[in-house]
Amino acid sequence: MIGIGLGAYRTWPEDEYGQSSSGWRPGLTDEEVYTAARGRWKLGVRTDRERYVVLTAMGIVVLAIEIESISDADPEGRRTISGTILKPGQPVYGGPFDDRTKIVHLGPDGTPPIHLRA
């Protein structure tokens, strides 16, 4: 599992990689968090074996993604994660993760905590 900590949300004119935002703030939809957080990370080849990424803000998991692919590194050595946002009803959503750690997902609309399980 990859864990990525997000800073404060910010926007800019779209860059050459199609990014125009990063970070997190209360009120963002899951799709907005995914768009702002999926790209341009320094990730080594070891991360290619991982199946999930959790995005945290202020120490709280705000989104979990099942990884479909991680791009090759750009000229600056940064990579982009593509995947599926984990939501209720998916098999890994709703209990302990790896039988060791509970991953709490707080929805941007203040929904109650939900746990992921592998």
PDB file of N, CA and C in Angstrom:
ATOM      1  N   MET A   1       0.845  -1.167   0.000  1.00  0.00           N
ATOM      2  CA  MET A   1       0.000   0.000   0.000  1.00  0.00           C
ATOM      3  C   MET A   1       0.895   1.236   0.000  1.00  0.00           C
ATOM      4  N   ILE A   2       0.544   2.193  -0.825  1.00  0.00           N
ATOM      5  CA  ILE A   2       1.257   3.462  -0.889  1.00  0.00           C
ATOM      6  C   ILE A   2       0.455   4.479  -0.085  1.00  0.00           C
ATOM      7  N   GLY A   3       1.107   5.242   0.761  1.00  0.00           N
ATOM      8  CA  GLY A   3       0.459   6.329   1.483  1.00  0.00           C
ATOM      9  C   GLY A   3       1.009   7.658   1.007  1.00  0.00           C
ATOM     10  N   ILE A   4       0.124   8.578   0.647  1.00  0.00           N
ATOM     11  CA  ILE A   4       0.536   9.901   0.175  1.00  0.00           C
ATOM     12  C   ILE A   4      -0.166  10.951   1.018  1.00  0.00           C
ATOM     13  N   GLY A   5       0.620  11.830   1.634  1.00  0.00           N
ATOM     14  CA  GLY A   5       0.074  12.933   2.410  1.00  0.00           C
ATOM     15  C   GLY A   5      -0.147  14.147   1.530  1.00  0.00           C
ATOM     16  N   LEU A   6      -1.325  14.735   1.627  1.00  0.00           N
ATOM     17  CA  LEU A   6      -1.677  15.893   0.813  1.00  0.00           C
ATOM     18  C   LEU A   6      -1.572  17.176   1.623  1.00  0.00           C
ATOM     19  N   GLY A   7      -1.087  18.215   0.989  1.00  0.00           N
ATOM     20  CA  GLY A   7      -1.034  19.530   1.608  1.00  0.00           C
ATOM     21  C   GLY A   7      -2.319  20.296   1.337  1.00  0.00           C
ATOM     22  N   ALA A   8      -2.275  21.588   1.590  1.00  0.00           N
ATOM     23  CA  ALA A   8      -3.430  22.447   1.348  1.00  0.00           C
ATOM     24  C   ALA A   8      -3.753  22.497  -0.146  1.00  0.00           C
ATOM     25  N   TYR A   9      -5.033  22.560  -0.456  1.00  0.00           N
ATOM     26  CA  TYR A   9      -5.496  22.593  -1.840  1.00  0.00           C
ATOM     27  C   TYR A   9      -5.069  23.893  -2.508  1.00  0.00           C
ATOM     28  N   ARG A  10      -4.598  23.767  -3.748  1.00  0.00           N
ATOM     29  CA  ARG A  10      -4.253  24.951  -4.536  1.00  0.00           C
ATOM     30  C   ARG A  10      -4.513  24.661  -6.000  1.00  0.00           C
ATOM     31  N   THR A  11      -4.715  25.709  -6.771  1.00  0.00           N
ATOM     32  CA  THR A  11      -4.974  25.576  -8.206  1.00  0.00           C
ATOM     33  C   THR A  11      -4.027  26.470  -8.983  1.00  0.00           C
ATOM     34  N   TRP A  12      -3.879  26.177 -10.279  1.00  0.00           N
ATOM     35  CA  TRP A  12      -3.046  26.957 -11.197  1.00  0.00           C
ATOM     36  C   TRP A  12      -3.541  26.674 -12.610  1.00  0.00           C
ATOM     37  N   PRO A  13      -3.104  27.449 -13.591  1.00  0.00           N
ATOM     38  CA  PRO A  13      -3.477  27.142 -14.976  1.00  0.00           C
ATOM     39  C   PRO A  13      -2.958  25.749 -15.351  1.00  0.00           C
ATOM     40  N   GLU A  14      -3.739  25.016 -16.129  1.00  0.00           N
ATOM     41  CA  GLU A  14      -3.364  23.647 -16.496  1.00  0.00           C
ATOM     42  C   GLU A  14      -1.960  23.593 -17.072  1.00  0.00           C
ATOM     43  N   ASP A  15      -1.163  22.641 -16.565  1.00  0.00           N
ATOM     44  CA  ASP A  15       0.218  22.501 -17.030  1.00  0.00           C
ATOM     45  C   ASP A  15       0.314  21.477 -18.162  1.00  0.00           C
ATOM     46  N   GLU A  16       1.524  21.223 -18.615  1.00  0.00           N
ATOM     47  CA  GLU A  16       1.734  20.307 -19.743  1.00  0.00           C
ATOM     48  C   GLU A  16       1.359  18.859 -19.428  1.00  0.00           C
ATOM     49  N   TYR A  17       1.132  18.548 -18.154  1.00  0.00           N
ATOM     50  CA  TYR A  17       0.740  17.199 -17.760  1.00  0.00           C
ATOM     51  C   TYR A  17      -0.766  17.085 -17.522  1.00  0.00           C
ATOM     52  N   GLY A  18      -1.490  18.154 -17.784  1.00  0.00           N
ATOM     53  CA  GLY A  18      -2.934  18.153 -17.597  1.00  0.00           C
ATOM     54  C   GLY A  18      -3.380  18.413 -16.177  1.00  0.00           C
ATOM     55  N   GLN A  19      -2.457  18.765 -15.295  1.00  0.00           N
ATOM     56  CA  GLN A  19      -2.777  19.045 -13.891  1.00  0.00           C
ATOM     57  C   GLN A  19      -3.081  20.533 -13.711  1.00  0.00           C
ATOM     58  N   SER A  20      -4.073  20.812 -12.873  1.00  0.00           N
ATOM     59  CA  SER A  20      -4.376  22.206 -12.558  1.00  0.00           C
ATOM     60  C   SER A  20      -4.684  22.403 -11.076  1.00  0.00           C
ATOM     61  N   SER A  21      -4.475  21.345 -10.273  1.00  0.00           N
ATOM     62  CA  SER A  21      -4.710  21.463  -8.833  1.00  0.00           C
ATOM     63  C   SER A  21      -3.930  20.382  -8.101  1.00  0.00           C
ATOM     64  N   SER A  22      -3.761  20.600  -6.803  1.00  0.00           N
ATOM     65  CA  SER A  22      -3.171  19.585  -5.933  1.00  0.00           C
ATOM     66  C   SER A  22      -3.634  19.847  -4.513  1.00  0.00           C
ATOM     67  N   GLY A  23      -3.507  18.820  -3.679  1.00  0.00           N
ATOM     68  CA  GLY A  23      -3.845  18.979  -2.273  1.00  0.00           C
ATOM     69  C   GLY A  23      -5.277  18.601  -1.948  1.00  0.00           C
ATOM     70  N   TRP A  24      -5.709  19.031  -0.777  1.00  0.00           N
ATOM     71  CA  TRP A  24      -7.032  18.691  -0.265  1.00  0.00           C
ATOM     72  C   TRP A  24      -7.577  19.846   0.547  1.00  0.00           C
ATOM     73  N   ARG A  25      -8.907  19.957   0.548  1.00  0.00           N
ATOM     74  CA  ARG A  25      -9.637  20.861   1.432  1.00  0.00           C
ATOM     75  C   ARG A  25     -11.001  20.251   1.689  1.00  0.00           C
ATOM     76  N   PRO A  26     -11.627  20.577   2.810  1.00  0.00           N
ATOM     77  CA  PRO A  26     -12.969  20.051   3.067  1.00  0.00           C
ATOM     78  C   PRO A  26     -13.916  20.452   1.937  1.00  0.00           C
ATOM     79  N   GLY A  27     -14.835  19.559   1.617  1.00  0.00           N
ATOM     80  CA  GLY A  27     -15.837  19.850   0.605  1.00  0.00           C
ATOM     81  C   GLY A  27     -15.528  19.326  -0.784  1.00  0.00           C
ATOM     82  N   LEU A  28     -14.294  18.876  -1.026  1.00  0.00           N
ATOM     83  CA  LEU A  28     -13.975  18.309  -2.335  1.00  0.00           C
ATOM     84  C   LEU A  28     -14.692  16.969  -2.499  1.00  0.00           C
ATOM     85  N   THR A  29     -15.162  16.685  -3.711  1.00  0.00           N
ATOM     86  CA  THR A  29     -15.728  15.370  -3.991  1.00  0.00           C
ATOM     87  C   THR A  29     -14.589  14.362  -4.110  1.00  0.00           C
ATOM     88  N   ASP A  30     -14.919  13.085  -4.069  1.00  0.00           N
ATOM     89  CA  ASP A  30     -13.892  12.057  -4.256  1.00  0.00           C
ATOM     90  C   ASP A  30     -13.186  12.236  -5.592  1.00  0.00           C
ATOM     91  N   GLU A  31     -13.946  12.560  -6.635  1.00  0.00           N
ATOM     92  CA  GLU A  31     -13.356  12.738  -7.961  1.00  0.00           C
ATOM     93  C   GLU A  31     -12.407  13.934  -7.988  1.00  0.00           C
ATOM     94  N   GLU A  32     -12.756  15.017  -7.291  1.00  0.00           N
ATOM     95  CA  GLU A  32     -11.864  16.183  -7.226  1.00  0.00           C
ATOM     96  C   GLU A  32     -10.579  15.853  -6.475  1.00  0.00           C
ATOM     97  N   VAL A  33     -10.686  15.088  -5.392  1.00  0.00           N
ATOM     98  CA  VAL A  33      -9.489  14.674  -4.652  1.00  0.00           C
ATOM     99  C   VAL A  33      -8.610  13.809  -5.551  1.00  0.00           C
ATOM    100  N   TYR A  34      -9.220  12.858  -6.248  1.00  0.00           N
ATOM    101  CA  TYR A  34      -8.472  11.976  -7.151  1.00  0.00           C
ATOM    102  C   TYR A  34      -7.735  12.786  -8.217  1.00  0.00           C
ATOM    103  N   THR A  35      -8.433  13.699  -8.854  1.00  0.00           N
ATOM    104  CA  THR A  35      -7.823  14.521  -9.904  1.00  0.00           C
ATOM    105  C   THR A  35      -6.672  15.355  -9.354  1.00  0.00           C
ATOM    106  N   ALA A  36      -6.853  15.925  -8.175  1.00  0.00           N
ATOM    107  CA  ALA A  36      -5.826  16.790  -7.590  1.00  0.00           C
ATOM    108  C   ALA A  36      -4.626  16.001  -7.073  1.00  0.00           C
ATOM    109  N   ALA A  37      -4.826  14.729  -6.744  1.00  0.00           N
ATOM    110  CA  ALA A  37      -3.774  13.986  -6.039  1.00  0.00           C
ATOM    111  C   ALA A  37      -3.137  12.857  -6.835  1.00  0.00           C
ATOM    112  N   ARG A  38      -3.589  12.574  -8.031  1.00  0.00           N
ATOM    113  CA  ARG A  38      -3.128  11.364  -8.721  1.00  0.00           C
ATOM    114  C   ARG A  38      -1.777  11.510  -9.382  1.00  0.00           C
ATOM    115  N   GLY A  39      -1.293  12.714  -9.567  1.00  0.00           N
ATOM    116  CA  GLY A  39      -0.125  12.814 -10.426  1.00  0.00           C
ATOM    117  C   GLY A  39       1.091  13.536  -9.912  1.00  0.00           C
ATOM    118  N   ARG A  40       2.210  13.158 -10.567  1.00  0.00           N
ATOM    119  CA  ARG A  40       3.507  13.794 -10.435  1.00  0.00           C
ATOM    120  C   ARG A  40       4.140  13.564  -9.071  1.00  0.00           C
ATOM    121  N   TRP A  41       4.291  12.291  -8.721  1.00  0.00           N
ATOM    122  CA  TRP A  41       4.940  11.893  -7.473  1.00  0.00           C
ATOM    123  C   TRP A  41       6.257  11.203  -7.776  1.00  0.00           C
ATOM    124  N   LYS A  42       7.224  11.363  -6.894  1.00  0.00           N
ATOM    125  CA  LYS A  42       8.494  10.628  -7.000  1.00  0.00           C
ATOM    126  C   LYS A  42       8.260   9.242  -6.401  1.00  0.00           C
ATOM    127  N   LEU A  43       8.022   8.272  -7.270  1.00  0.00           N
ATOM    128  CA  LEU A  43       7.733   6.906  -6.852  1.00  0.00           C
ATOM    129  C   LEU A  43       8.751   5.971  -7.481  1.00  0.00           C
ATOM    130  N   GLY A  44       9.362   5.132  -6.674  1.00  0.00           N
ATOM    131  CA  GLY A  44      10.326   4.166  -7.185  1.00  0.00           C
ATOM    132  C   GLY A  44       9.639   2.970  -7.825  1.00  0.00           C
ATOM    133  N   VAL A  45      10.432   2.105  -8.434  1.00  0.00           N
ATOM    134  CA  VAL A  45       9.875   0.926  -9.104  1.00  0.00           C
ATOM    135  C   VAL A  45       9.229  -0.044  -8.116  1.00  0.00           C
ATOM    136  N   ARG A  46       9.614   0.002  -6.868  1.00  0.00           N
ATOM    137  CA  ARG A  46       9.006  -0.863  -5.854  1.00  0.00           C
ATOM    138  C   ARG A  46       7.500  -0.614  -5.741  1.00  0.00           C
ATOM    139  N   THR A  47       7.071   0.612  -5.995  1.00  0.00           N
ATOM    140  CA  THR A  47       5.644   0.924  -5.905  1.00  0.00           C
ATOM    141  C   THR A  47       4.833   0.236  -6.994  1.00  0.00           C
ATOM    142  N   ASP A  48       5.479  -0.247  -8.050  1.00  0.00           N
ATOM    143  CA  ASP A  48       4.761  -0.936  -9.123  1.00  0.00           C
ATOM    144  C   ASP A  48       4.081  -2.213  -8.635  1.00  0.00           C
ATOM    145  N   ARG A  49       4.522  -2.760  -7.524  1.00  0.00           N
ATOM    146  CA  ARG A  49       3.929  -3.985  -6.967  1.00  0.00           C
ATOM    147  C   ARG A  49       2.743  -3.699  -6.056  1.00  0.00           C
ATOM    148  N   GLU A  50       2.516  -2.448  -5.731  1.00  0.00           N
ATOM    149  CA  GLU A  50       1.446  -2.109  -4.792  1.00  0.00           C
ATOM    150  C   GLU A  50       0.084  -2.126  -5.477  1.00  0.00           C
ATOM    151  N   ARG A  51      -0.941  -2.415  -4.689  1.00  0.00           N
ATOM    152  CA  ARG A  51      -2.299  -2.520  -5.230  1.00  0.00           C
ATOM    153  C   ARG A  51      -3.176  -1.330  -4.849  1.00  0.00           C
ATOM    154  N   TYR A  52      -2.854  -0.670  -3.741  1.00  0.00           N
ATOM    155  CA  TYR A  52      -3.688   0.424  -3.255  1.00  0.00           C
ATOM    156  C   TYR A  52      -2.841   1.638  -2.918  1.00  0.00           C
ATOM    157  N   VAL A  53      -3.481   2.815  -3.006  1.00  0.00           N
ATOM    158  CA  VAL A  53      -2.887   4.049  -2.507  1.00  0.00           C
ATOM    159  C   VAL A  53      -3.932   4.718  -1.620  1.00  0.00           C
ATOM    160  N   VAL A  54      -3.493   5.182  -0.448  1.00  0.00           N
ATOM    161  CA  VAL A  54      -4.371   5.956   0.421  1.00  0.00           C
ATOM    162  C   VAL A  54      -3.846   7.380   0.461  1.00  0.00           C
ATOM    163  N   LEU A  55      -4.766   8.318   0.349  1.00  0.00           N
ATOM    164  CA  LEU A  55      -4.436   9.738   0.363  1.00  0.00           C
ATOM    165  C   LEU A  55      -4.880  10.304   1.700  1.00  0.00           C
ATOM    166  N   THR A  56      -3.952  10.940   2.407  1.00  0.00           N
ATOM    167  CA  THR A  56      -4.267  11.490   3.719  1.00  0.00           C
ATOM    168  C   THR A  56      -4.127  13.002   3.719  1.00  0.00           C
ATOM    169  N   ALA A  57      -4.903  13.626   4.580  1.00  0.00           N
ATOM    170  CA  ALA A  57      -4.805  15.063   4.820  1.00  0.00           C
ATOM    171  C   ALA A  57      -4.958  15.269   6.318  1.00  0.00           C
ATOM    172  N   MET A  58      -4.050  15.969   6.910  1.00  0.00           N
ATOM    173  CA  MET A  58      -4.066  16.233   8.345  1.00  0.00           C
ATOM    174  C   MET A  58      -4.155  14.935   9.147  1.00  0.00           C
ATOM    175  N   GLY A  59      -3.509  13.866   8.651  1.00  0.00           N
ATOM    176  CA  GLY A  59      -3.470  12.603   9.360  1.00  0.00           C
ATOM    177  C   GLY A  59      -4.692  11.719   9.187  1.00  0.00           C
ATOM    178  N   ILE A  60      -5.637  12.113   8.346  1.00  0.00           N
ATOM    179  CA  ILE A  60      -6.863  11.346   8.130  1.00  0.00           C
ATOM    180  C   ILE A  60      -6.898  10.884   6.681  1.00  0.00           C
ATOM    181  N   VAL A  61      -7.244   9.617   6.458  1.00  0.00           N
ATOM    182  CA  VAL A  61      -7.388   9.131   5.085  1.00  0.00           C
ATOM    183  C   VAL A  61      -8.632   9.772   4.476  1.00  0.00           C
ATOM    184  N   VAL A  62      -8.436  10.480   3.364  1.00  0.00           N
ATOM    185  CA  VAL A  62      -9.548  11.147   2.695  1.00  0.00           C
ATOM    186  C   VAL A  62      -9.991  10.415   1.435  1.00  0.00           C
ATOM    187  N   LEU A  63      -9.157   9.495   0.933  1.00  0.00           N
ATOM    188  CA  LEU A  63      -9.527   8.736  -0.258  1.00  0.00           C
ATOM    189  C   LEU A  63      -8.626   7.516  -0.370  1.00  0.00           C
ATOM    190  N   ALA A  64      -9.192   6.426  -0.873  1.00  0.00           N
ATOM    191  CA  ALA A  64      -8.422   5.216  -1.161  1.00  0.00           C
ATOM    192  C   ALA A  64      -8.681   4.829  -2.608  1.00  0.00           C
ATOM    193  N   ILE A  65      -7.623   4.381  -3.279  1.00  0.00           N
ATOM    194  CA  ILE A  65      -7.688   4.066  -4.705  1.00  0.00           C
ATOM    195  C   ILE A  65      -7.085   2.687  -4.930  1.00  0.00           C
ATOM    196  N   GLU A  66      -7.748   1.876  -5.756  1.00  0.00           N
ATOM    197  CA  GLU A  66      -7.153   0.632  -6.228  1.00  0.00           C
ATOM    198  C   GLU A  66      -6.366   0.977  -7.487  1.00  0.00           C
ATOM    199  N   ILE A  67      -5.072   0.713  -7.467  1.00  0.00           N
ATOM    200  CA  ILE A  67      -4.179   1.117  -8.552  1.00  0.00           C
ATOM    201  C   ILE A  67      -4.401   0.239  -9.779  1.00  0.00           C
ATOM    202  N   GLU A  68      -4.580   0.893 -10.926  1.00  0.00           N
ATOM    203  CA  GLU A  68      -4.642   0.190 -12.212  1.00  0.00           C
ATOM    204  C   GLU A  68      -3.304   0.295 -12.934  1.00  0.00           C
ATOM    205  N   SER A  69      -2.658   1.456 -12.815  1.00  0.00           N
ATOM    206  CA  SER A  69      -1.347   1.634 -13.447  1.00  0.00           C
ATOM    207  C   SER A  69      -0.623   2.809 -12.808  1.00  0.00           C
ATOM    208  N   ILE A  70       0.701   2.776 -12.948  1.00  0.00           N
ATOM    209  CA  ILE A  70       1.550   3.896 -12.549  1.00  0.00           C
ATOM    210  C   ILE A  70       2.400   4.214 -13.768  1.00  0.00           C
ATOM    211  N   SER A  71       2.378   5.469 -14.188  1.00  0.00           N
ATOM    212  CA  SER A  71       3.069   5.855 -15.417  1.00  0.00           C
ATOM    213  C   SER A  71       4.576   5.696 -15.295  1.00  0.00           C
ATOM    214  N   ASP A  72       5.235   5.683 -16.452  1.00  0.00           N
ATOM    215  CA  ASP A  72       6.689   5.788 -16.468  1.00  0.00           C
ATOM    216  C   ASP A  72       7.057   7.167 -15.942  1.00  0.00           C
ATOM    217  N   ALA A  73       8.275   7.318 -15.479  1.00  0.00           N
ATOM    218  CA  ALA A  73       8.727   8.603 -14.936  1.00  0.00           C
ATOM    219  C   ALA A  73       8.839   9.643 -16.049  1.00  0.00           C
ATOM    220  N   ASP A  74       8.452  10.883 -15.714  1.00  0.00           N
ATOM    221  CA  ASP A  74       8.643  11.990 -16.651  1.00  0.00           C
ATOM    222  C   ASP A  74      10.100  12.453 -16.557  1.00  0.00           C
ATOM    223  N   PRO A  75      10.507  13.477 -17.309  1.00  0.00           N
ATOM    224  CA  PRO A  75      11.905  13.914 -17.269  1.00  0.00           C
ATOM    225  C   PRO A  75      12.401  14.334 -15.875  1.00  0.00           C
ATOM    226  N   GLU A  76      11.469  14.702 -14.987  1.00  0.00           N
ATOM    227  CA  GLU A  76      11.843  15.090 -13.621  1.00  0.00           C
ATOM    228  C   GLU A  76      11.793  13.901 -12.660  1.00  0.00           C
ATOM    229  N   GLY A  77      11.517  12.705 -13.178  1.00  0.00           N
ATOM    230  CA  GLY A  77      11.464  11.517 -12.335  1.00  0.00           C
ATOM    231  C   GLY A  77      10.151  11.329 -11.605  1.00  0.00           C
ATOM    232  N   ARG A  78       9.108  12.025 -12.025  1.00  0.00           N
ATOM    233  CA  ARG A  78       7.810  11.945 -11.351  1.00  0.00           C
ATOM    234  C   ARG A  78       6.848  11.063 -12.141  1.00  0.00           C
ATOM    235  N   ARG A  79       5.937  10.419 -11.397  1.00  0.00           N
ATOM    236  CA  ARG A  79       5.005   9.471 -11.994  1.00  0.00           C
ATOM    237  C   ARG A  79       3.572   9.802 -11.595  1.00  0.00           C
ATOM    238  N   THR A  80       2.620   9.290 -12.370  1.00  0.00           N
ATOM    239  CA  THR A  80       1.199   9.518 -12.141  1.00  0.00           C
ATOM    240  C   THR A  80       0.512   8.185 -11.865  1.00  0.00           C
ATOM    241  N   ILE A  81      -0.371   8.186 -10.871  1.00  0.00           N
ATOM    242  CA  ILE A  81      -1.132   6.995 -10.498  1.00  0.00           C
ATOM    243  C   ILE A  81      -2.510   7.065 -11.149  1.00  0.00           C
ATOM    244  N   SER A  82      -2.934   5.967 -11.768  1.00  0.00           N
ATOM    245  CA  SER A  82      -4.290   5.852 -12.310  1.00  0.00           C
ATOM    246  C   SER A  82      -4.963   4.670 -11.635  1.00  0.00           C
ATOM    247  N   GLY A  83      -6.242   4.825 -11.326  1.00  0.00           N
ATOM    248  CA  GLY A  83      -6.933   3.733 -10.671  1.00  0.00           C
ATOM    249  C   GLY A  83      -8.393   4.011 -10.449  1.00  0.00           C
ATOM    250  N   THR A  84      -8.995   3.173  -9.614  1.00  0.00           N
ATOM    251  CA  THR A  84     -10.411   3.240  -9.308  1.00  0.00           C
ATOM    252  C   THR A  84     -10.586   3.707  -7.872  1.00  0.00           C
ATOM    253  N   ILE A  85     -11.422   4.717  -7.686  1.00  0.00           N
ATOM    254  CA  ILE A  85     -11.741   5.197  -6.338  1.00  0.00           C
ATOM    255  C   ILE A  85     -12.545   4.111  -5.628  1.00  0.00           C
ATOM    256  N   LEU A  86     -12.114   3.739  -4.434  1.00  0.00           N
ATOM    257  CA  LEU A  86     -12.829   2.724  -3.663  1.00  0.00           C
ATOM    258  C   LEU A  86     -14.047   3.346  -2.998  1.00  0.00           C
ATOM    259  N   LYS A  87     -15.187   2.681  -3.163  1.00  0.00           N
ATOM    260  CA  LYS A  87     -16.460   3.177  -2.639  1.00  0.00           C
ATOM    261  C   LYS A  87     -17.216   2.035  -1.966  1.00  0.00           C
ATOM    262  N   PRO A  88     -18.253   2.360  -1.195  1.00  0.00           N
ATOM    263  CA  PRO A  88     -19.059   1.305  -0.572  1.00  0.00           C
ATOM    264  C   PRO A  88     -19.558   0.311  -1.616  1.00  0.00           C
ATOM    265  N   GLY A  89     -19.605  -0.958  -1.220  1.00  0.00           N
ATOM    266  CA  GLY A  89     -20.072  -2.006  -2.112  1.00  0.00           C
ATOM    267  C   GLY A  89     -18.949  -2.752  -2.813  1.00  0.00           C
ATOM    268  N   GLN A  90     -17.733  -2.193  -2.796  1.00  0.00           N
ATOM    269  CA  GLN A  90     -16.600  -2.893  -3.393  1.00  0.00           C
ATOM    270  C   GLN A  90     -16.030  -3.869  -2.365  1.00  0.00           C
ATOM    271  N   PRO A  91     -15.489  -5.000  -2.822  1.00  0.00           N
ATOM    272  CA  PRO A  91     -15.072  -6.060  -1.894  1.00  0.00           C
ATOM    273  C   PRO A  91     -14.098  -5.628  -0.806  1.00  0.00           C
ATOM    274  N   VAL A  92     -13.201  -4.702  -1.062  1.00  0.00           N
ATOM    275  CA  VAL A  92     -12.207  -4.327  -0.049  1.00  0.00           C
ATOM    276  C   VAL A  92     -12.703  -3.223   0.872  1.00  0.00           C
ATOM    277  N   TYR A  93     -13.912  -2.750   0.675  1.00  0.00           N
ATOM    278  CA  TYR A  93     -14.459  -1.638   1.449  1.00  0.00           C
ATOM    279  C   TYR A  93     -15.279  -2.190   2.605  1.00  0.00           C
ATOM    280  N   GLY A  94     -14.925  -1.822   3.843  1.00  0.00           N
ATOM    281  CA  GLY A  94     -15.796  -2.164   4.944  1.00  0.00           C
ATOM    282  C   GLY A  94     -15.211  -2.918   6.113  1.00  0.00           C
ATOM    283  N   GLY A  95     -13.912  -3.123   6.183  1.00  0.00           N
ATOM    284  CA  GLY A  95     -13.354  -3.843   7.318  1.00  0.00           C
ATOM    285  C   GLY A  95     -11.869  -3.630   7.441  1.00  0.00           C
ATOM    286  N   PRO A  96     -11.187  -4.490   8.199  1.00  0.00           N
ATOM    287  CA  PRO A  96      -9.750  -4.317   8.393  1.00  0.00           C
ATOM    288  C   PRO A  96      -8.980  -4.502   7.090  1.00  0.00           C
ATOM    289  N   PHE A  97      -7.901  -3.796   6.974  1.00  0.00           N
ATOM    290  CA  PHE A  97      -7.041  -3.851   5.787  1.00  0.00           C
ATOM    291  C   PHE A  97      -5.853  -4.729   6.109  1.00  0.00           C
ATOM    292  N   ASP A  98      -5.612  -5.762   5.312  1.00  0.00           N
ATOM    293  CA  ASP A  98      -4.506  -6.698   5.535  1.00  0.00           C
ATOM    294  C   ASP A  98      -4.570  -7.342   6.919  1.00  0.00           C
ATOM    295  N   ASP A  99      -5.747  -7.432   7.497  1.00  0.00           N
ATOM    296  CA  ASP A  99      -5.945  -8.043   8.813  1.00  0.00           C
ATOM    297  C   ASP A  99      -5.104  -7.408   9.916  1.00  0.00           C
ATOM    298  N   ARG A 100      -4.513  -6.264   9.700  1.00  0.00           N
ATOM    299  CA  ARG A 100      -3.667  -5.624  10.711  1.00  0.00           C
ATOM    300  C   ARG A 100      -4.097  -4.186  10.976  1.00  0.00           C
ATOM    301  N   THR A 101      -4.318  -3.440   9.935  1.00  0.00           N
ATOM    302  CA  THR A 101      -4.501  -2.005  10.062  1.00  0.00           C
ATOM    303  C   THR A 101      -5.879  -1.600   9.586  1.00  0.00           C
ATOM    304  N   LYS A 102      -6.541  -0.767  10.344  1.00  0.00           N
ATOM    305  CA  LYS A 102      -7.811  -0.221   9.881  1.00  0.00           C
ATOM    306  C   LYS A 102      -7.531   1.082   9.147  1.00  0.00           C
ATOM    307  N   ILE A 103      -8.082   1.193   7.950  1.00  0.00           N
ATOM    308  CA  ILE A 103      -7.949   2.400   7.148  1.00  0.00           C
ATOM    309  C   ILE A 103      -9.296   3.105   7.196  1.00  0.00           C
ATOM    310  N   VAL A 104      -9.333   4.300   7.715  1.00  0.00           N
ATOM    311  CA  VAL A 104     -10.580   5.037   7.854  1.00  0.00           C
ATOM    312  C   VAL A 104     -10.725   6.000   6.691  1.00  0.00           C
ATOM    313  N   HIS A 105     -11.889   5.984   6.065  1.00  0.00           N
ATOM    314  CA  HIS A 105     -12.185   6.887   4.957  1.00  0.00           C
ATOM    315  C   HIS A 105     -13.279   7.838   5.420  1.00  0.00           C
ATOM    316  N   LEU A 106     -12.969   9.120   5.465  1.00  0.00           N
ATOM    317  CA  LEU A 106     -13.968  10.122   5.804  1.00  0.00           C
ATOM    318  C   LEU A 106     -14.387  10.822   4.530  1.00  0.00           C
ATOM    319  N   GLY A 107     -15.656  10.779   4.212  1.00  0.00           N
ATOM    320  CA  GLY A 107     -16.145  11.454   3.018  1.00  0.00           C
ATOM    321  C   GLY A 107     -16.082  12.960   3.182  1.00  0.00           C
ATOM    322  N   PRO A 108     -15.923  13.689   2.062  1.00  0.00           N
ATOM    323  CA  PRO A 108     -15.840  15.144   2.145  1.00  0.00           C
ATOM    324  C   PRO A 108     -17.126  15.781   2.639  1.00  0.00           C
ATOM    325  N   ASP A 109     -18.233  15.034   2.581  1.00  0.00           N
ATOM    326  CA  ASP A 109     -19.502  15.581   3.049  1.00  0.00           C
ATOM    327  C   ASP A 109     -19.752  15.268   4.520  1.00  0.00           C
ATOM    328  N   GLY A 110     -18.721  14.744   5.204  1.00  0.00           N
ATOM    329  CA  GLY A 110     -18.842  14.463   6.624  1.00  0.00           C
ATOM    330  C   GLY A 110     -19.508  13.140   6.944  1.00  0.00           C
ATOM    331  N   THR A 111     -19.603  12.235   5.972  1.00  0.00           N
ATOM    332  CA  THR A 111     -20.207  10.932   6.221  1.00  0.00           C
ATOM    333  C   THR A 111     -19.415  10.183   7.281  1.00  0.00           C
ATOM    334  N   PRO A 112     -20.055   9.253   7.974  1.00  0.00           N
ATOM    335  CA  PRO A 112     -19.365   8.516   9.035  1.00  0.00           C
ATOM    336  C   PRO A 112     -18.161   7.750   8.508  1.00  0.00           C
ATOM    337  N   PRO A 113     -17.197   7.451   9.388  1.00  0.00           N
ATOM    338  CA  PRO A 113     -16.030   6.679   8.974  1.00  0.00           C
ATOM    339  C   PRO A 113     -16.436   5.305   8.445  1.00  0.00           C
ATOM    340  N   ILE A 114     -15.734   4.874   7.413  1.00  0.00           N
ATOM    341  CA  ILE A 114     -15.932   3.553   6.825  1.00  0.00           C
ATOM    342  C   ILE A 114     -14.561   2.914   6.750  1.00  0.00           C
ATOM    343  N   HIS A 115     -14.479   1.617   6.966  1.00  0.00           N
ATOM    344  CA  HIS A 115     -13.187   0.934   6.945  1.00  0.00           C
ATOM    345  C   HIS A 115     -13.023   0.138   5.664  1.00  0.00           C
ATOM    346  N   LEU A 116     -11.786   0.019   5.213  1.00  0.00           N
ATOM    347  CA  LEU A 116     -11.452  -0.787   4.040  1.00  0.00           C
ATOM    348  C   LEU A 116     -10.901  -2.117   4.502  1.00  0.00           C
ATOM    349  N   ARG A 117     -11.134  -3.154   3.727  1.00  0.00           N
ATOM    350  CA  ARG A 117     -10.526  -4.445   4.047  1.00  0.00           C
ATOM    351  C   ARG A 117      -9.950  -5.045   2.772  1.00  0.00           C
ATOM    352  N   ALA A 118      -8.874  -5.808   2.918  1.00  0.00           N
ATOM    353  CA  ALA A 118      -8.262  -6.469   1.759  1.00  0.00           C
ATOM    354  C   ALA A 118      -8.621  -7.932   1.773  1.00  0.00           C
TER     355      ALA A 118
END
